Amino acid sequence: MGLHEARGMLAKGMKDLGNRWRETRISWDDAQAEQFEKRYMEMVESDMRMAMTAMDHLAVVLAQIERDCE
C-alpha cells in the first residue's frame, strides 16, 4: 500500500467514525456523551487531521527524493 492509499483509508475512516458518532449522539444525548466527545472524539479527530497533514508533507518530501534520485 502506498502513502496516498493509506491517507485515503485514514480519511475514509475519519469520515466513517464521524458519521457513526453522529448516529450515536441521536440516541445518546446527555452529559456523559458530551464528556466522551470532548475527551475522546475531539482528540481522535485532531490526531487524525495531524496524521493526514504529516502524510501530505511526507508525500512532498518523497516526491522530491524521487526527483533528486532520477
PDB file of N, CA and C in Angstrom:
ATOM      1  N   MET A   1       0.843  -1.166   0.000  1.00  0.00           N
ATOM      2  CA  MET A   1       0.000   0.000   0.000  1.00  0.00           C
ATOM      3  C   MET A   1       0.891   1.232   0.000  1.00  0.00           C
ATOM      4  N   GLY A   2       0.534   2.174  -0.836  1.00  0.00           N
ATOM      5  CA  GLY A   2       1.289   3.408  -0.912  1.00  0.00           C
ATOM      6  C   GLY A   2       0.786   4.461   0.058  1.00  0.00           C
ATOM      7  N   LEU A   3       1.518   5.544   0.113  1.00  0.00           N
ATOM      8  CA  LEU A   3       1.190   6.633   1.028  1.00  0.00           C
ATOM      9  C   LEU A   3      -0.170   7.246   0.710  1.00  0.00           C
ATOM     10  N   HIS A   4      -0.451   7.439  -0.582  1.00  0.00           N
ATOM     11  CA  HIS A   4      -1.722   8.051  -0.965  1.00  0.00           C
ATOM     12  C   HIS A   4      -2.904   7.150  -0.608  1.00  0.00           C
ATOM     13  N   GLU A   5      -2.713   5.851  -0.807  1.00  0.00           N
ATOM     14  CA  GLU A   5      -3.778   4.907  -0.458  1.00  0.00           C
ATOM     15  C   GLU A   5      -4.019   4.891   1.054  1.00  0.00           C
ATOM     16  N   ALA A   6      -2.930   4.910   1.812  1.00  0.00           N
ATOM     17  CA  ALA A   6      -3.042   4.915   3.269  1.00  0.00           C
ATOM     18  C   ALA A   6      -3.739   6.183   3.752  1.00  0.00           C
ATOM     19  N   ARG A   7      -3.396   7.304   3.149  1.00  0.00           N
ATOM     20  CA  ARG A   7      -4.042   8.568   3.525  1.00  0.00           C
ATOM     21  C   ARG A   7      -5.528   8.514   3.191  1.00  0.00           C
ATOM     22  N   GLY A   8      -5.853   7.953   2.044  1.00  0.00           N
ATOM     23  CA  GLY A   8      -7.250   7.815   1.657  1.00  0.00           C
ATOM     24  C   GLY A   8      -8.022   6.935   2.627  1.00  0.00           C
ATOM     25  N   MET A   9      -7.394   5.857   3.062  1.00  0.00           N
ATOM     26  CA  MET A   9      -8.046   4.973   4.032  1.00  0.00           C
ATOM     27  C   MET A   9      -8.248   5.687   5.370  1.00  0.00           C
ATOM     28  N   LEU A  10      -7.263   6.469   5.779  1.00  0.00           N
ATOM     29  CA  LEU A  10      -7.380   7.228   7.019  1.00  0.00           C
ATOM     30  C   LEU A  10      -8.507   8.254   6.912  1.00  0.00           C
ATOM     31  N   ALA A  11      -8.580   8.955   5.784  1.00  0.00           N
ATOM     32  CA  ALA A  11      -9.640   9.944   5.576  1.00  0.00           C
ATOM     33  C   ALA A  11     -11.012   9.273   5.594  1.00  0.00           C
ATOM     34  N   LYS A  12     -11.115   8.113   4.952  1.00  0.00           N
ATOM     35  CA  LYS A  12     -12.379   7.385   4.944  1.00  0.00           C
ATOM     36  C   LYS A  12     -12.739   6.933   6.353  1.00  0.00           C
ATOM     37  N   GLY A  13     -11.759   6.442   7.101  1.00  0.00           N
ATOM     38  CA  GLY A  13     -12.000   6.039   8.481  1.00  0.00           C
ATOM     39  C   GLY A  13     -12.470   7.202   9.334  1.00  0.00           C
ATOM     40  N   MET A  14     -11.871   8.358   9.120  1.00  0.00           N
ATOM     41  CA  MET A  14     -12.258   9.550   9.863  1.00  0.00           C
ATOM     42  C   MET A  14     -13.698   9.932   9.538  1.00  0.00           C
ATOM     43  N   LYS A  15     -14.041   9.881   8.261  1.00  0.00           N
ATOM     44  CA  LYS A  15     -15.410  10.198   7.844  1.00  0.00           C
ATOM     45  C   LYS A  15     -16.403   9.190   8.431  1.00  0.00           C
ATOM     46  N   ASP A  16     -16.063   7.908   8.356  1.00  0.00           N
ATOM     47  CA  ASP A  16     -16.936   6.858   8.894  1.00  0.00           C
ATOM     48  C   ASP A  16     -17.124   7.016  10.402  1.00  0.00           C
ATOM     49  N   LEU A  17     -16.032   7.294  11.117  1.00  0.00           N
ATOM     50  CA  LEU A  17     -16.118   7.488  12.560  1.00  0.00           C
ATOM     51  C   LEU A  17     -17.021   8.669  12.896  1.00  0.00           C
ATOM     52  N   GLY A  18     -16.853   9.761  12.166  1.00  0.00           N
ATOM     53  CA  GLY A  18     -17.697  10.935  12.386  1.00  0.00           C
ATOM     54  C   GLY A  18     -19.169  10.623  12.141  1.00  0.00           C
ATOM     55  N   ASN A  19     -19.449   9.892  11.073  1.00  0.00           N
ATOM     56  CA  ASN A  19     -20.837   9.521  10.774  1.00  0.00           C
ATOM     57  C   ASN A  19     -21.422   8.637  11.865  1.00  0.00           C
ATOM     58  N   ARG A  20     -20.651   7.653  12.295  1.00  0.00           N
ATOM     59  CA  ARG A  20     -21.127   6.761  13.361  1.00  0.00           C
ATOM     60  C   ARG A  20     -21.350   7.525  14.664  1.00  0.00           C
ATOM     61  N   TRP A  21     -20.457   8.457  14.957  1.00  0.00           N
ATOM     62  CA  TRP A  21     -20.603   9.222  16.181  1.00  0.00           C
ATOM     63  C   TRP A  21     -21.874  10.073  16.122  1.00  0.00           C
ATOM     64  N   ARG A  22     -22.134  10.702  14.976  1.00  0.00           N
ATOM     65  CA  ARG A  22     -23.352  11.498  14.841  1.00  0.00           C
ATOM     66  C   ARG A  22     -24.591  10.618  15.014  1.00  0.00           C
ATOM     67  N   GLU A  23     -24.557   9.421  14.476  1.00  0.00           N
ATOM     68  CA  GLU A  23     -25.671   8.484  14.657  1.00  0.00           C
ATOM     69  C   GLU A  23     -25.842   8.122  16.139  1.00  0.00           C
ATOM     70  N   THR A  24     -24.735   7.895  16.804  1.00  0.00           N
ATOM     71  CA  THR A  24     -24.771   7.534  18.223  1.00  0.00           C
ATOM     72  C   THR A  24     -25.344   8.671  19.056  1.00  0.00           C
ATOM     73  N   ARG A  25     -24.948   9.891  18.725  1.00  0.00           N
ATOM     74  CA  ARG A  25     -25.390  11.055  19.502  1.00  0.00           C
ATOM     75  C   ARG A  25     -26.898  11.273  19.421  1.00  0.00           C
ATOM     76  N   ILE A  26     -27.545  10.740  18.398  1.00  0.00           N
ATOM     77  CA  ILE A  26     -29.000  10.860  18.293  1.00  0.00           C
ATOM     78  C   ILE A  26     -29.668  10.183  19.487  1.00  0.00           C
ATOM     79  N   SER A  27     -29.142   9.029  19.877  1.00  0.00           N
ATOM     80  CA  SER A  27     -29.755   8.303  20.992  1.00  0.00           C
ATOM     81  C   SER A  27     -29.006   8.481  22.320  1.00  0.00           C
ATOM     82  N   TRP A  28     -27.787   8.989  22.266  1.00  0.00           N
ATOM     83  CA  TRP A  28     -27.002   9.195  23.484  1.00  0.00           C
ATOM     84  C   TRP A  28     -26.756  10.691  23.638  1.00  0.00           C
ATOM     85  N   ASP A  29     -27.652  11.356  24.324  1.00  0.00           N
ATOM     86  CA  ASP A  29     -27.599  12.816  24.412  1.00  0.00           C
ATOM     87  C   ASP A  29     -27.679  13.253  25.873  1.00  0.00           C
ATOM     88  N   ASP A  30     -26.571  13.072  26.561  1.00  0.00           N
ATOM     89  CA  ASP A  30     -26.512  13.506  27.953  1.00  0.00           C
ATOM     90  C   ASP A  30     -25.122  14.050  28.260  1.00  0.00           C
ATOM     91  N   ALA A  31     -24.899  14.377  29.517  1.00  0.00           N
ATOM     92  CA  ALA A  31     -23.608  14.954  29.923  1.00  0.00           C
ATOM     93  C   ALA A  31     -22.456  13.980  29.681  1.00  0.00           C
ATOM     94  N   GLN A  32     -22.702  12.688  29.870  1.00  0.00           N
ATOM     95  CA  GLN A  32     -21.650  11.691  29.641  1.00  0.00           C
ATOM     96  C   GLN A  32     -21.238  11.658  28.169  1.00  0.00           C
ATOM     97  N   ALA A  33     -22.195  11.795  27.282  1.00  0.00           N
ATOM     98  CA  ALA A  33     -21.885  11.823  25.848  1.00  0.00           C
ATOM     99  C   ALA A  33     -21.039  13.042  25.508  1.00  0.00           C
ATOM    100  N   GLU A  34     -21.389  14.179  26.076  1.00  0.00           N
ATOM    101  CA  GLU A  34     -20.604  15.390  25.839  1.00  0.00           C
ATOM    102  C   GLU A  34     -19.180  15.230  26.365  1.00  0.00           C
ATOM    103  N   GLN A  35     -19.066  14.634  27.549  1.00  0.00           N
ATOM    104  CA  GLN A  35     -17.746  14.408  28.130  1.00  0.00           C
ATOM    105  C   GLN A  35     -16.934  13.446  27.259  1.00  0.00           C
ATOM    106  N   PHE A  36     -17.569  12.377  26.795  1.00  0.00           N
ATOM    107  CA  PHE A  36     -16.898  11.416  25.919  1.00  0.00           C
ATOM    108  C   PHE A  36     -16.431  12.105  24.644  1.00  0.00           C
ATOM    109  N   GLU A  37     -17.295  12.932  24.072  1.00  0.00           N
ATOM    110  CA  GLU A  37     -16.947  13.634  22.835  1.00  0.00           C
ATOM    111  C   GLU A  37     -15.735  14.535  23.035  1.00  0.00           C
ATOM    112  N   LYS A  38     -15.739  15.289  24.115  1.00  0.00           N
ATOM    113  CA  LYS A  38     -14.612  16.196  24.372  1.00  0.00           C
ATOM    114  C   LYS A  38     -13.333  15.436  24.707  1.00  0.00           C
ATOM    115  N   ARG A  39     -13.462  14.373  25.485  1.00  0.00           N
ATOM    116  CA  ARG A  39     -12.292  13.641  25.941  1.00  0.00           C
ATOM    117  C   ARG A  39     -11.684  12.765  24.844  1.00  0.00           C
ATOM    118  N   TYR A  40     -12.528  12.110  24.052  1.00  0.00           N
ATOM    119  CA  TYR A  40     -12.021  11.131  23.091  1.00  0.00           C
ATOM    120  C   TYR A  40     -12.225  11.533  21.631  1.00  0.00           C
ATOM    121  N   MET A  41     -13.427  11.866  21.265  1.00  0.00           N
ATOM    122  CA  MET A  41     -13.711  12.102  19.849  1.00  0.00           C
ATOM    123  C   MET A  41     -12.945  13.301  19.294  1.00  0.00           C
ATOM    124  N   GLU A  42     -12.945  14.395  20.023  1.00  0.00           N
ATOM    125  CA  GLU A  42     -12.226  15.575  19.544  1.00  0.00           C
ATOM    126  C   GLU A  42     -10.728  15.304  19.458  1.00  0.00           C
ATOM    127  N   MET A  43     -10.198  14.556  20.409  1.00  0.00           N
ATOM    128  CA  MET A  43      -8.774  14.231  20.405  1.00  0.00           C
ATOM    129  C   MET A  43      -8.435  13.325  19.210  1.00  0.00           C
ATOM    130  N   VAL A  44      -9.273  12.327  18.972  1.00  0.00           N
ATOM    131  CA  VAL A  44      -9.032  11.414  17.848  1.00  0.00           C
ATOM    132  C   VAL A  44      -9.102  12.169  16.523  1.00  0.00           C
ATOM    133  N   GLU A  45     -10.108  13.019  16.367  1.00  0.00           N
ATOM    134  CA  GLU A  45     -10.229  13.796  15.133  1.00  0.00           C
ATOM    135  C   GLU A  45      -9.016  14.700  14.924  1.00  0.00           C
ATOM    136  N   SER A  46      -8.569  15.328  15.987  1.00  0.00           N
ATOM    137  CA  SER A  46      -7.390  16.192  15.897  1.00  0.00           C
ATOM    138  C   SER A  46      -6.150  15.385  15.510  1.00  0.00           C
ATOM    139  N   ASP A  47      -5.965  14.249  16.152  1.00  0.00           N
ATOM    140  CA  ASP A  47      -4.812  13.393  15.842  1.00  0.00           C
ATOM    141  C   ASP A  47      -4.862  12.897  14.399  1.00  0.00           C
ATOM    142  N   MET A  48      -6.043  12.551  13.928  1.00  0.00           N
ATOM    143  CA  MET A  48      -6.172  12.071  12.552  1.00  0.00           C
ATOM    144  C   MET A  48      -5.860  13.190  11.556  1.00  0.00           C
ATOM    145  N   ARG A  49      -6.329  14.411  11.857  1.00  0.00           N
ATOM    146  CA  ARG A  49      -6.009  15.535  10.972  1.00  0.00           C
ATOM    147  C   ARG A  49      -4.501  15.798  10.940  1.00  0.00           C
ATOM    148  N   MET A  50      -3.863  15.725  12.101  1.00  0.00           N
ATOM    149  CA  MET A  50      -2.408  15.927  12.150  1.00  0.00           C
ATOM    150  C   MET A  50      -1.687  14.828  11.375  1.00  0.00           C
ATOM    151  N   ALA A  51      -2.166  13.604  11.475  1.00  0.00           N
ATOM    152  CA  ALA A  51      -1.553  12.496  10.740  1.00  0.00           C
ATOM    153  C   ALA A  51      -1.692  12.713   9.246  1.00  0.00           C
ATOM    154  N   MET A  52      -2.851  13.172   8.794  1.00  0.00           N
ATOM    155  CA  MET A  52      -3.038  13.412   7.360  1.00  0.00           C
ATOM    156  C   MET A  52      -2.161  14.559   6.876  1.00  0.00           C
ATOM    157  N   THR A  53      -2.007  15.576   7.693  1.00  0.00           N
ATOM    158  CA  THR A  53      -1.107  16.676   7.343  1.00  0.00           C
ATOM    159  C   THR A  53       0.324  16.173   7.228  1.00  0.00           C
ATOM    160  N   ALA A  54       0.735  15.336   8.160  1.00  0.00           N
ATOM    161  CA  ALA A  54       2.084  14.765   8.113  1.00  0.00           C
ATOM    162  C   ALA A  54       2.257  13.890   6.871  1.00  0.00           C
ATOM    163  N   MET A  55       1.226  13.146   6.524  1.00  0.00           N
ATOM    164  CA  MET A  55       1.300  12.300   5.330  1.00  0.00           C
ATOM    165  C   MET A  55       1.408  13.152   4.068  1.00  0.00           C
ATOM    166  N   ASP A  56       0.690  14.265   4.027  1.00  0.00           N
ATOM    167  CA  ASP A  56       0.794  15.180   2.881  1.00  0.00           C
ATOM    168  C   ASP A  56       2.219  15.723   2.767  1.00  0.00           C
ATOM    169  N   HIS A  57       2.782  16.115   3.899  1.00  0.00           N
ATOM    170  CA  HIS A  57       4.156  16.630   3.902  1.00  0.00           C
ATOM    171  C   HIS A  57       5.134  15.534   3.468  1.00  0.00           C
ATOM    172  N   LEU A  58       4.935  14.342   3.966  1.00  0.00           N
ATOM    173  CA  LEU A  58       5.799  13.225   3.598  1.00  0.00           C
ATOM    174  C   LEU A  58       5.715  12.925   2.106  1.00  0.00           C
ATOM    175  N   ALA A  59       4.533  13.040   1.530  1.00  0.00           N
ATOM    176  CA  ALA A  59       4.377  12.815   0.085  1.00  0.00           C
ATOM    177  C   ALA A  59       5.206  13.815  -0.711  1.00  0.00           C
ATOM    178  N   VAL A  60       5.226  15.066  -0.258  1.00  0.00           N
ATOM    179  CA  VAL A  60       6.031  16.095  -0.932  1.00  0.00           C
ATOM    180  C   VAL A  60       7.514  15.755  -0.822  1.00  0.00           C
ATOM    181  N   VAL A  61       7.939  15.372   0.361  1.00  0.00           N
ATOM    182  CA  VAL A  61       9.354  15.027   0.580  1.00  0.00           C
ATOM    183  C   VAL A  61       9.744  13.814  -0.260  1.00  0.00           C
ATOM    184  N   LEU A  62       8.913  12.796  -0.280  1.00  0.00           N
ATOM    185  CA  LEU A  62       9.214  11.604  -1.078  1.00  0.00           C
ATOM    186  C   LEU A  62       9.256  11.915  -2.561  1.00  0.00           C
ATOM    187  N   ALA A  63       8.367  12.775  -3.029  1.00  0.00           N
ATOM    188  CA  ALA A  63       8.383  13.166  -4.441  1.00  0.00           C
ATOM    189  C   ALA A  63       9.690  13.891  -4.771  1.00  0.00           C
ATOM    190  N   GLN A  64      10.137  14.744  -3.865  1.00  0.00           N
ATOM    191  CA  GLN A  64      11.404  15.461  -4.080  1.00  0.00           C
ATOM    192  C   GLN A  64      12.575  14.482  -4.092  1.00  0.00           C
ATOM    193  N   ILE A  65      12.550  13.509  -3.222  1.00  0.00           N
ATOM    194  CA  ILE A  65      13.617  12.491  -3.186  1.00  0.00           C
ATOM    195  C   ILE A  65      13.641  11.723  -4.488  1.00  0.00           C
ATOM    196  N   GLU A  66      12.481  11.344  -4.990  1.00  0.00           N
ATOM    197  CA  GLU A  66      12.414  10.622  -6.271  1.00  0.00           C
ATOM    198  C   GLU A  66      12.980  11.466  -7.398  1.00  0.00           C
ATOM    199  N   ARG A  67      12.633  12.753  -7.432  1.00  0.00           N
ATOM    200  CA  ARG A  67      13.155  13.643  -8.488  1.00  0.00           C
ATOM    201  C   ARG A  67      14.676  13.774  -8.364  1.00  0.00           C
ATOM    202  N   ASP A  68      15.166  13.888  -7.143  1.00  0.00           N
ATOM    203  CA  ASP A  68      16.601  14.041  -6.920  1.00  0.00           C
ATOM    204  C   ASP A  68      17.381  12.793  -7.310  1.00  0.00           C
ATOM    205  N   CYS A  69      16.753  11.639  -7.200  1.00  0.00           N
ATOM    206  CA  CYS A  69      17.446  10.378  -7.475  1.00  0.00           C
ATOM    207  C   CYS A  69      17.354   9.951  -8.943  1.00  0.00           C
ATOM    208  N   GLU A  70      16.623  10.681  -9.748  1.00  0.00           N
ATOM    209  CA  GLU A  70      16.495  10.276 -11.154  1.00  0.00           C
ATOM    210  C   GLU A  70      17.737  10.545 -11.950  1.00  0.00           C
TER     211      GLU A  70
END
